[in-house]
PDB file of N, CA and C in Angstrom:
ATOM      1  N   MET A   1      12.740  -4.373  -3.372  1.00  0.00           N
ATOM      2  CA  MET A   1      11.260  -5.132  -2.953  1.00  0.00           C
ATOM      3  C   MET A   1      10.343  -5.593  -3.727  1.00  0.00           C
ATOM      4  N   GLU A   2       9.894  -6.647  -4.574  1.00  0.00           N
ATOM      5  CA  GLU A   2       9.646  -7.078  -5.146  1.00  0.00           C
ATOM      6  C   GLU A   2       8.403  -7.067  -5.209  1.00  0.00           C
ATOM      7  N   ASN A   3       7.451  -6.291  -6.640  1.00  0.00           N
ATOM      8  CA  ASN A   3       6.405  -5.967  -6.750  1.00  0.00           C
ATOM      9  C   ASN A   3       5.468  -6.613  -6.147  1.00  0.00           C
ATOM     10  N   LYS A   4       5.286  -7.884  -6.518  1.00  0.00           N
ATOM     11  CA  LYS A   4       4.191  -8.405  -6.054  1.00  0.00           C
ATOM     12  C   LYS A   4       4.170  -8.745  -3.934  1.00  0.00           C
ATOM     13  N   ASN A   5       5.367  -9.380  -3.764  1.00  0.00           N
ATOM     14  CA  ASN A   5       5.498  -9.303  -2.191  1.00  0.00           C
ATOM     15  C   ASN A   5       5.311  -8.034  -2.097  1.00  0.00           C
ATOM     16  N   PHE A   6       5.362  -6.761  -2.390  1.00  0.00           N
ATOM     17  CA  PHE A   6       5.298  -5.183  -1.581  1.00  0.00           C
ATOM     18  C   PHE A   6       3.566  -4.931  -1.877  1.00  0.00           C
ATOM     19  N   GLU A   7       3.445  -5.693  -3.065  1.00  0.00           N
ATOM     20  CA  GLU A   7       1.443  -5.509  -2.892  1.00  0.00           C
ATOM     21  C   GLU A   7       0.982  -6.495  -1.668  1.00  0.00           C
ATOM     22  N   GLN A   8       1.801  -7.490  -1.479  1.00  0.00           N
ATOM     23  CA  GLN A   8       0.778  -8.574  -0.332  1.00  0.00           C
ATOM     24  C   GLN A   8       1.076  -7.767   1.036  1.00  0.00           C
ATOM     25  N   VAL A   9       2.161  -6.769   1.535  1.00  0.00           N
ATOM     26  CA  VAL A   9       2.554  -6.246   1.644  1.00  0.00           C
ATOM     27  C   VAL A   9       1.273  -5.152   2.574  1.00  0.00           C
ATOM     28  N   VAL A  10       1.799  -4.185   0.895  1.00  0.00           N
ATOM     29  CA  VAL A  10       0.439  -3.233   0.973  1.00  0.00           C
ATOM     30  C   VAL A  10      -0.576  -3.715   1.367  1.00  0.00           C
ATOM     31  N   ILE A  11      -1.575  -4.292   0.986  1.00  0.00           N
ATOM     32  CA  ILE A  11      -2.854  -5.172   1.072  1.00  0.00           C
ATOM     33  C   ILE A  11      -3.129  -5.244   2.854  1.00  0.00           C
ATOM     34  N   GLU A  12      -2.073  -6.024   2.935  1.00  0.00           N
ATOM     35  CA  GLU A  12      -2.173  -6.635   4.461  1.00  0.00           C
ATOM     36  C   GLU A  12      -2.412  -5.371   5.527  1.00  0.00           C
ATOM     37  N   LYS A  13      -1.362  -4.190   5.071  1.00  0.00           N
ATOM     38  CA  LYS A  13      -1.136  -3.357   6.157  1.00  0.00           C
ATOM     39  C   LYS A  13      -3.025  -2.389   6.044  1.00  0.00           C
ATOM     40  N   LEU A  14      -3.116  -2.261   4.702  1.00  0.00           N
ATOM     41  CA  LEU A  14      -4.533  -1.723   4.633  1.00  0.00           C
ATOM     42  C   LEU A  14      -5.505  -1.669   5.159  1.00  0.00           C
ATOM     43  N   MET A  15      -5.513  -3.474   4.861  1.00  0.00           N
ATOM     44  CA  MET A  15      -6.754  -4.093   5.420  1.00  0.00           C
ATOM     45  C   MET A  15      -6.606  -4.294   7.428  1.00  0.00           C
ATOM     46  N   ASN A  16      -5.297  -3.809   7.718  1.00  0.00           N
ATOM     47  CA  ASN A  16      -5.601  -3.767   9.479  1.00  0.00           C
ATOM     48  C   ASN A  16      -5.272  -2.802   9.620  1.00  0.00           C
ATOM     49  N   MET A  17      -5.693  -1.777   8.993  1.00  0.00           N
ATOM     50  CA  MET A  17      -5.276   0.158   9.535  1.00  0.00           C
ATOM     51  C   MET A  17      -6.261   0.126  10.468  1.00  0.00           C
ATOM     52  N   GLY A  18      -7.509  -0.344  10.742  1.00  0.00           N
ATOM     53  CA  GLY A  18      -8.205  -0.097  11.855  1.00  0.00           C
ATOM     54  C   GLY A  18      -8.274  -0.877  12.958  1.00  0.00           C
ATOM     55  N   SER A  19      -7.517  -2.344  12.936  1.00  0.00           N
ATOM     56  CA  SER A  19      -7.502  -3.201  13.794  1.00  0.00           C
ATOM     57  C   SER A  19      -6.539  -2.694  14.619  1.00  0.00           C
ATOM     58  N   ASP A  20      -5.604  -1.658  14.751  1.00  0.00           N
ATOM     59  CA  ASP A  20      -4.753  -1.659  15.763  1.00  0.00           C
ATOM     60  C   ASP A  20      -4.460  -0.461  16.443  1.00  0.00           C
ATOM     61  N   PHE A  21      -6.056  -0.113  16.186  1.00  0.00           N
ATOM     62  CA  PHE A  21      -6.230   1.329  16.966  1.00  0.00           C
ATOM     63  C   PHE A  21      -7.502   0.981  17.786  1.00  0.00           C
ATOM     64  N   ALA A  22      -7.674  -0.392  18.245  1.00  0.00           N
ATOM     65  CA  ALA A  22      -8.281  -0.598  19.727  1.00  0.00           C
ATOM     66  C   ALA A  22      -8.080   0.099  20.784  1.00  0.00           C
ATOM     67  N   GLY A  23      -9.011   0.439  21.428  1.00  0.00           N
ATOM     68  CA  GLY A  23      -8.800   1.342  22.941  1.00  0.00           C
ATOM     69  C   GLY A  23      -8.316   3.150  22.953  1.00  0.00           C
ATOM     70  N   ARG A  24      -7.944   2.903  21.328  1.00  0.00           N
ATOM     71  CA  ARG A  24      -7.250   4.212  21.552  1.00  0.00           C
ATOM     72  C   ARG A  24      -8.598   5.494  21.091  1.00  0.00           C
ATOM     73  N   LYS A  25      -8.524   6.727  21.303  1.00  0.00           N
ATOM     74  CA  LYS A  25      -9.136   7.222  21.159  1.00  0.00           C
ATOM     75  C   LYS A  25      -8.940   8.639  19.957  1.00  0.00           C
ATOM     76  N   THR A  26      -9.166   7.465  18.914  1.00  0.00           N
ATOM     77  CA  THR A  26      -8.942   8.464  17.205  1.00  0.00           C
ATOM     78  C   THR A  26     -10.183   7.370  16.485  1.00  0.00           C
ATOM     79  N   CYS A  27     -10.312   8.384  15.579  1.00  0.00           N
ATOM     80  CA  CYS A  27     -11.851   7.478  14.688  1.00  0.00           C
ATOM     81  C   CYS A  27     -10.843   7.706  13.416  1.00  0.00           C
ATOM     82  N   VAL A  28      -9.313   8.230  13.344  1.00  0.00           N
ATOM     83  CA  VAL A  28      -8.722   7.679  12.200  1.00  0.00           C
ATOM     84  C   VAL A  28      -7.698   6.752  11.658  1.00  0.00           C
ATOM     85  N   ALA A  29      -7.450   6.119  10.872  1.00  0.00           N
ATOM     86  CA  ALA A  29      -6.340   5.052  11.002  1.00  0.00           C
ATOM     87  C   ALA A  29      -4.988   5.533   9.503  1.00  0.00           C
ATOM     88  N   TRP A  30      -4.060   5.675   9.775  1.00  0.00           N
ATOM     89  CA  TRP A  30      -3.072   5.609   9.070  1.00  0.00           C
ATOM     90  C   TRP A  30      -1.835   4.573   9.108  1.00  0.00           C
ATOM     91  N   THR A  31      -1.127   4.822   7.793  1.00  0.00           N
ATOM     92  CA  THR A  31      -0.117   4.318   7.317  1.00  0.00           C
ATOM     93  C   THR A  31       0.334   4.541   6.177  1.00  0.00           C
ATOM     94  N   THR A  32       2.270   4.583   6.605  1.00  0.00           N
ATOM     95  CA  THR A  32       3.316   4.828   5.341  1.00  0.00           C
ATOM     96  C   THR A  32       3.414   3.774   4.800  1.00  0.00           C
ATOM     97  N   PHE A  33       4.405   4.395   3.734  1.00  0.00           N
ATOM     98  CA  PHE A  33       4.853   3.162   2.212  1.00  0.00           C
ATOM     99  C   PHE A  33       6.298   4.338   2.081  1.00  0.00           C
ATOM    100  N   PRO A  34       7.456   3.663   1.729  1.00  0.00           N
ATOM    101  CA  PRO A  34       8.392   4.208   1.467  1.00  0.00           C
ATOM    102  C   PRO A  34       8.106   5.087   0.049  1.00  0.00           C
ATOM    103  N   TYR A  35       8.921   6.270  -0.481  1.00  0.00           N
ATOM    104  CA  TYR A  35       8.111   6.737  -1.853  1.00  0.00           C
ATOM    105  C   TYR A  35       8.807   6.054  -2.963  1.00  0.00           C
ATOM    106  N   ASN A  36       8.297   5.514  -3.613  1.00  0.00           N
ATOM    107  CA  ASN A  36       9.372   5.564  -5.142  1.00  0.00           C
ATOM    108  C   ASN A  36       7.953   5.548  -6.317  1.00  0.00           C
ATOM    109  N   LYS A  37       8.279   6.241  -7.541  1.00  0.00           N
ATOM    110  CA  LYS A  37       6.746   5.770  -8.325  1.00  0.00           C
ATOM    111  C   LYS A  37       6.512   4.430  -8.587  1.00  0.00           C
ATOM    112  N   ASN A  38       7.397   3.157  -8.450  1.00  0.00           N
ATOM    113  CA  ASN A  38       6.687   2.070  -8.366  1.00  0.00           C
ATOM    114  C   ASN A  38       5.730   1.822  -7.353  1.00  0.00           C
ATOM    115  N   ASN A  39       6.239   1.819  -6.293  1.00  0.00           N
ATOM    116  CA  ASN A  39       5.519   1.700  -4.634  1.00  0.00           C
ATOM    117  C   ASN A  39       4.087   2.887  -4.882  1.00  0.00           C
ATOM    118  N   LEU A  40       4.294   3.643  -5.287  1.00  0.00           N
ATOM    119  CA  LEU A  40       2.325   4.683  -5.586  1.00  0.00           C
ATOM    120  C   LEU A  40       2.094   4.089  -6.280  1.00  0.00           C
ATOM    121  N   LYS A  41       2.118   3.249  -7.635  1.00  0.00           N
ATOM    122  CA  LYS A  41       1.497   2.870  -8.249  1.00  0.00           C
ATOM    123  C   LYS A  41       1.050   1.172  -8.128  1.00  0.00           C
ATOM    124  N   VAL A  42       1.763   0.637  -7.273  1.00  0.00           N
ATOM    125  CA  VAL A  42       1.321  -0.288  -6.246  1.00  0.00           C
ATOM    126  C   VAL A  42       0.332  -0.563  -5.350  1.00  0.00           C
ATOM    127  N   VAL A  43       0.414   0.775  -4.384  1.00  0.00           N
ATOM    128  CA  VAL A  43      -0.561   0.916  -3.251  1.00  0.00           C
ATOM    129  C   VAL A  43      -1.949   1.689  -3.708  1.00  0.00           C
ATOM    130  N   GLU A  44      -1.713   2.609  -5.561  1.00  0.00           N
ATOM    131  CA  GLU A  44      -3.008   2.988  -5.622  1.00  0.00           C
ATOM    132  C   GLU A  44      -3.899   1.346  -6.245  1.00  0.00           C
ATOM    133  N   LYS A  45      -2.746   0.321  -6.925  1.00  0.00           N
ATOM    134  CA  LYS A  45      -3.532  -0.645  -7.162  1.00  0.00           C
ATOM    135  C   LYS A  45      -4.400  -1.463  -6.288  1.00  0.00           C
ATOM    136  N   ALA A  46      -3.356  -1.386  -5.186  1.00  0.00           N
ATOM    137  CA  ALA A  46      -4.099  -2.042  -4.261  1.00  0.00           C
ATOM    138  C   ALA A  46      -5.326  -1.712  -2.946  1.00  0.00           C
ATOM    139  N   LEU A  47      -5.165  -0.150  -3.678  1.00  0.00           N
ATOM    140  CA  LEU A  47      -6.857   0.366  -2.529  1.00  0.00           C
ATOM    141  C   LEU A  47      -7.598   0.174  -4.073  1.00  0.00           C
ATOM    142  N   GLY A  48      -7.441  -0.230  -4.983  1.00  0.00           N
ATOM    143  CA  GLY A  48      -8.814  -0.480  -6.011  1.00  0.00           C
ATOM    144  C   GLY A  48      -8.865  -2.026  -5.970  1.00  0.00           C
ATOM    145  N   LYS A  49      -7.791  -2.637  -5.826  1.00  0.00           N
ATOM    146  CA  LYS A  49      -8.576  -3.753  -5.196  1.00  0.00           C
ATOM    147  C   LYS A  49      -9.068  -4.349  -4.092  1.00  0.00           C
ATOM    148  N   LEU A  50      -9.212  -3.518  -3.113  1.00  0.00           N
ATOM    149  CA  LEU A  50     -10.098  -3.356  -2.136  1.00  0.00           C
ATOM    150  C   LEU A  50     -10.955  -2.263  -2.331  1.00  0.00           C
ATOM    151  N   ASN A  51     -11.389  -2.056  -3.044  1.00  0.00           N
ATOM    152  CA  ASN A  51     -12.357  -1.541  -3.676  1.00  0.00           C
ATOM    153  C   ASN A  51     -12.695  -0.197  -2.820  1.00  0.00           C
ATOM    154  N   TRP A  52     -11.911  -0.066  -2.381  1.00  0.00           N
ATOM    155  CA  TRP A  52     -11.909   1.889  -1.882  1.00  0.00           C
ATOM    156  C   TRP A  52     -12.514   2.730  -3.062  1.00  0.00           C
ATOM    157  N   LYS A  53     -13.181   3.426  -2.090  1.00  0.00           N
ATOM    158  CA  LYS A  53     -13.972   4.789  -3.050  1.00  0.00           C
ATOM    159  C   LYS A  53     -12.705   6.008  -3.150  1.00  0.00           C
ATOM    160  N   ASN A  54     -12.593   6.208  -3.335  1.00  0.00           N
ATOM    161  CA  ASN A  54     -11.491   7.651  -3.451  1.00  0.00           C
ATOM    162  C   ASN A  54     -12.143   9.094  -2.389  1.00  0.00           C
ATOM    163  N   ASP A  55     -12.918   9.119  -1.785  1.00  0.00           N
ATOM    164  CA  ASP A  55     -14.028   9.777  -1.043  1.00  0.00           C
ATOM    165  C   ASP A  55     -13.679   9.026   0.396  1.00  0.00           C
ATOM    166  N   GLU A  56     -13.473   7.690   0.489  1.00  0.00           N
ATOM    167  CA  GLU A  56     -13.169   7.324   1.729  1.00  0.00           C
ATOM    168  C   GLU A  56     -11.748   7.090   2.669  1.00  0.00           C
ATOM    169  N   TYR A  57     -11.316   7.813   1.355  1.00  0.00           N
ATOM    170  CA  TYR A  57      -9.993   7.692   2.151  1.00  0.00           C
ATOM    171  C   TYR A  57      -8.530   8.272   1.419  1.00  0.00           C
ATOM    172  N   ILE A  58      -7.713   9.484   1.994  1.00  0.00           N
ATOM    173  CA  ILE A  58      -6.822  10.492   1.807  1.00  0.00           C
ATOM    174  C   ILE A  58      -5.530   9.815   1.080  1.00  0.00           C
ATOM    175  N   LEU A  59      -4.917   9.915  -0.121  1.00  0.00           N
ATOM    176  CA  LEU A  59      -3.562   9.534  -0.651  1.00  0.00           C
ATOM    177  C   LEU A  59      -2.668  10.757  -0.948  1.00  0.00           C
ATOM    178  N   THR A  60      -1.892  10.739   0.060  1.00  0.00           N
ATOM    179  CA  THR A  60      -0.691  11.624  -0.284  1.00  0.00           C
ATOM    180  C   THR A  60       0.804  11.368  -0.226  1.00  0.00           C
ATOM    181  N   TYR A  61       1.980  11.904  -0.829  1.00  0.00           N
ATOM    182  CA  TYR A  61       3.002  11.505  -0.898  1.00  0.00           C
ATOM    183  C   TYR A  61       4.050  12.699  -1.149  1.00  0.00           C
ATOM    184  N   ASP A  62       5.327  12.336  -0.919  1.00  0.00           N
ATOM    185  CA  ASP A  62       6.324  13.330  -0.782  1.00  0.00           C
ATOM    186  C   ASP A  62       7.420  12.405  -1.263  1.00  0.00           C
ATOM    187  N   GLU A  63       8.683  13.109  -1.703  1.00  0.00           N
ATOM    188  CA  GLU A  63       9.853  12.377  -1.641  1.00  0.00           C
ATOM    189  C   GLU A  63      10.467  11.310  -1.012  1.00  0.00           C
ATOM    190  N   ASN A  64       9.493  11.333   0.222  1.00  0.00           N
ATOM    191  CA  ASN A  64      10.325   9.893   0.953  1.00  0.00           C
ATOM    192  C   ASN A  64       9.067   9.050   1.710  1.00  0.00           C
ATOM    193  N   LEU A  65       7.697   9.434   1.165  1.00  0.00           N
ATOM    194  CA  LEU A  65       6.799   8.562   1.989  1.00  0.00           C
ATOM    195  C   LEU A  65       5.202   8.698   1.575  1.00  0.00           C
ATOM    196  N   ILE A  66       4.758   7.639   1.441  1.00  0.00           N
ATOM    197  CA  ILE A  66       3.210   7.573   0.798  1.00  0.00           C
ATOM    198  C   ILE A  66       2.465   7.499   2.211  1.00  0.00           C
ATOM    199  N   PHE A  67       1.340   8.076   2.112  1.00  0.00           N
ATOM    200  CA  PHE A  67       0.772   8.086   3.480  1.00  0.00           C
ATOM    201  C   PHE A  67      -0.415   7.935   3.172  1.00  0.00           C
ATOM    202  N   VAL A  68      -1.142   6.899   3.881  1.00  0.00           N
ATOM    203  CA  VAL A  68      -2.893   6.837   3.350  1.00  0.00           C
ATOM    204  C   VAL A  68      -3.572   6.776   4.331  1.00  0.00           C
ATOM    205  N   LYS A  69      -4.693   7.720   4.770  1.00  0.00           N
ATOM    206  CA  LYS A  69      -5.097   7.987   5.981  1.00  0.00           C
ATOM    207  C   LYS A  69      -7.096   7.757   5.371  1.00  0.00           C
ATOM    208  N   LYS A  70      -7.095   7.619   6.530  1.00  0.00           N
ATOM    209  CA  LYS A  70      -9.030   6.749   6.807  1.00  0.00           C
ATOM    210  C   LYS A  70      -9.607   7.174   7.779  1.00  0.00           C
ATOM    211  N   ASP A  71     -10.766   7.620   7.408  1.00  0.00           N
ATOM    212  CA  ASP A  71     -11.684   8.269   8.771  1.00  0.00           C
ATOM    213  C   ASP A  71     -12.036   6.738   8.805  1.00  0.00           C
ATOM    214  N   LEU A  72     -12.379   5.911  10.192  1.00  0.00           N
ATOM    215  CA  LEU A  72     -13.186   4.329  10.503  1.00  0.00           C
ATOM    216  C   LEU A  72     -14.770   4.706  10.831  1.00  0.00           C
ATOM    217  N   ILE A  73     -14.922   5.824  10.969  1.00  0.00           N
ATOM    218  CA  ILE A  73     -16.339   5.890  11.081  1.00  0.00           C
ATOM    219  C   ILE A  73     -16.882   6.943   9.878  1.00  0.00           C
TER     220      ILE A  73
END
C-alpha cells in the first residue's frame, strides 16, 4: 500500500478508535495494522500528527501486527 494512503487510513482508524465502542462495557480502545518496518514508521508518525502523548497509548508490535491501545477515560 502506498505510504500516503496508508497514513490516511491509520489517522482515520486512530481518530475513530473510541467512536465504535459506544454501548460496550469497556473504557479501552484498540486497533491493529499489518506489521512491516514502513508501516510502523507511518503509525508512529500518525500518532505524532494527532499529538498523542506517549503516556496516552500503548504501541506494541510483533512480526505480524502493530497494536495500538488507548484508555478512553
